[in-house]
Amino acid sequence: EMFEESIYNLIPREYVPPPKPIRYRSKYPPTTAPTASTFGLKTTSKPVCSNLAGEYDLFDGPHKLASNSATFGKLKGSSKPDPQSFRHKSTIKLPDVKKFSY
């Protein structure tokens, strides 16, 4: 019917968008340690890799997986610049130009 020659095929049909799929939610907990990870094992008693069994509740043993001070950078808000200490235009005096000699 669509490919037959007809005057009705010249009229554009109204676009009906397809329905959105249901949002994906993983059935696994997001806090699970990755299986066989070698990342961040400096402070553990198992230096080769972690969570080889793929367990959800990972028991690390006597040593914690991450130390208390191990972070990916400075604490939030600690690296903000002081707005009063910015340099302003023409506040730095450059040294006078001297002729170069050996």
Protein backbone atom coordinates (compact mmCIF):
# COMPACT_ATOMS: atom_id res chain seq x y z
CA GLU A 1 0.00 0.00 0.00
CA MET A 2 2.85 2.38 0.79
CA PHE A 3 4.55 1.94 -2.58
CA GLU A 4 1.45 2.26 -4.70
CA GLU A 5 1.07 5.42 -6.68
CA SER A 6 -1.50 7.61 -4.99
CA ILE A 7 -2.15 11.29 -4.34
CA TYR A 8 -2.32 10.51 -0.60
CA ASN A 9 1.36 9.51 -0.56
CA LEU A 10 2.28 13.15 -1.32
CA ILE A 11 0.86 14.34 2.02
CA PRO A 12 3.55 14.04 4.71
CA ARG A 13 2.54 11.89 7.62
CA GLU A 14 2.74 13.20 11.17
CA TYR A 15 5.82 11.96 13.04
CA VAL A 16 5.04 9.97 16.16
CA PRO A 17 8.18 9.56 18.30
CA PRO A 18 8.74 6.07 19.68
CA PRO A 19 8.25 5.66 23.45
CA LYS A 20 11.35 5.97 25.64
CA PRO A 21 12.75 2.74 27.05
CA ILE A 22 12.71 2.21 30.79
CA ARG A 23 15.80 3.62 32.51
CA TYR A 24 18.46 0.98 33.14
CA ARG A 25 19.22 0.25 36.79
CA SER A 26 21.90 -2.26 37.66
CA LYS A 27 20.96 -5.08 39.99
CA TYR A 28 24.44 -4.95 41.55
CA PRO A 29 25.38 -2.50 44.32
CA PRO A 30 27.37 0.54 43.12
CA THR A 31 29.79 0.39 46.05
CA THR A 32 31.14 -3.04 45.11
CA ALA A 33 34.90 -3.19 44.69
CA PRO A 34 35.93 -4.08 41.12
CA THR A 35 36.94 -7.69 40.54
CA ALA A 36 40.70 -8.33 40.21
CA SER A 37 41.57 -4.65 40.50
CA THR A 38 45.18 -3.58 41.00
CA PHE A 39 44.24 0.03 41.74
CA GLY A 40 45.00 1.58 45.12
CA LEU A 41 46.50 -1.41 46.93
CA LYS A 42 49.48 0.29 48.60
CA THR A 43 48.08 0.13 52.12
CA THR A 44 46.67 -3.40 52.00
CA SER A 45 48.15 -6.71 53.05
CA LYS A 46 47.25 -8.13 49.59
CA PRO A 47 49.47 -6.17 47.20
CA VAL A 48 48.77 -8.09 43.95
CA CYS A 49 45.04 -7.57 43.32
CA SER A 50 41.78 -7.17 45.20
CA ASN A 51 38.38 -8.88 45.19
CA LEU A 52 39.34 -11.86 43.04
CA ALA A 53 36.14 -13.69 44.03
CA GLY A 54 33.91 -10.77 42.97
CA GLU A 55 32.19 -10.52 46.35
CA TYR A 56 29.78 -7.68 47.13
CA ASP A 57 30.79 -7.24 50.77
CA LEU A 58 34.56 -7.21 50.53
CA PHE A 59 36.41 -8.07 53.74
CA ASP A 60 39.89 -6.60 53.48
CA GLY A 61 41.43 -8.20 56.54
CA PRO A 62 43.48 -6.30 59.09
CA HIS A 63 44.45 -3.44 56.75
CA LYS A 64 42.04 -1.02 55.12
CA LEU A 65 42.01 -0.73 51.32
CA ALA A 66 42.64 3.03 51.39
CA SER A 67 44.48 5.11 53.92
CA ASN A 68 42.75 8.00 55.67
CA SER A 69 44.75 10.63 53.80
CA ALA A 70 44.66 9.02 50.34
CA THR A 71 42.61 11.26 48.07
CA PHE A 72 42.59 12.34 44.43
CA GLY A 73 43.54 15.90 45.26
CA LYS A 74 43.03 18.70 47.69
CA LEU A 75 39.99 18.87 49.91
CA LYS A 76 36.94 20.47 48.34
CA GLY A 77 37.13 24.25 48.59
CA SER A 78 40.74 24.35 49.81
CA SER A 79 42.24 25.42 46.48
CA LYS A 80 40.03 28.48 45.92
CA PRO A 81 42.10 31.58 45.14
CA ASP A 82 41.98 34.66 47.34
CA PRO A 83 40.24 37.39 45.28
CA GLN A 84 42.15 40.14 47.14
CA SER A 85 45.56 38.80 46.10
CA PHE A 86 45.11 38.91 42.31
CA ARG A 87 47.62 40.96 40.37
CA HIS A 88 46.21 44.04 38.75
CA LYS A 89 47.25 45.75 35.54
CA SER A 90 50.49 47.78 35.75
CA THR A 91 51.29 46.74 39.32
CA ILE A 92 54.47 44.82 38.44
CA LYS A 93 57.51 46.90 37.54
CA LEU A 94 59.72 45.22 34.93
CA PRO A 95 63.50 45.70 35.15
CA ASP A 96 65.15 48.17 32.81
CA VAL A 97 66.51 46.85 29.54
CA LYS A 98 70.31 46.44 29.50
CA LYS A 99 72.60 45.83 26.57
CA PHE A 100 73.85 42.25 26.51
CA SER A 101 77.60 41.72 26.70
CA TYR A 102 79.81 38.68 27.18
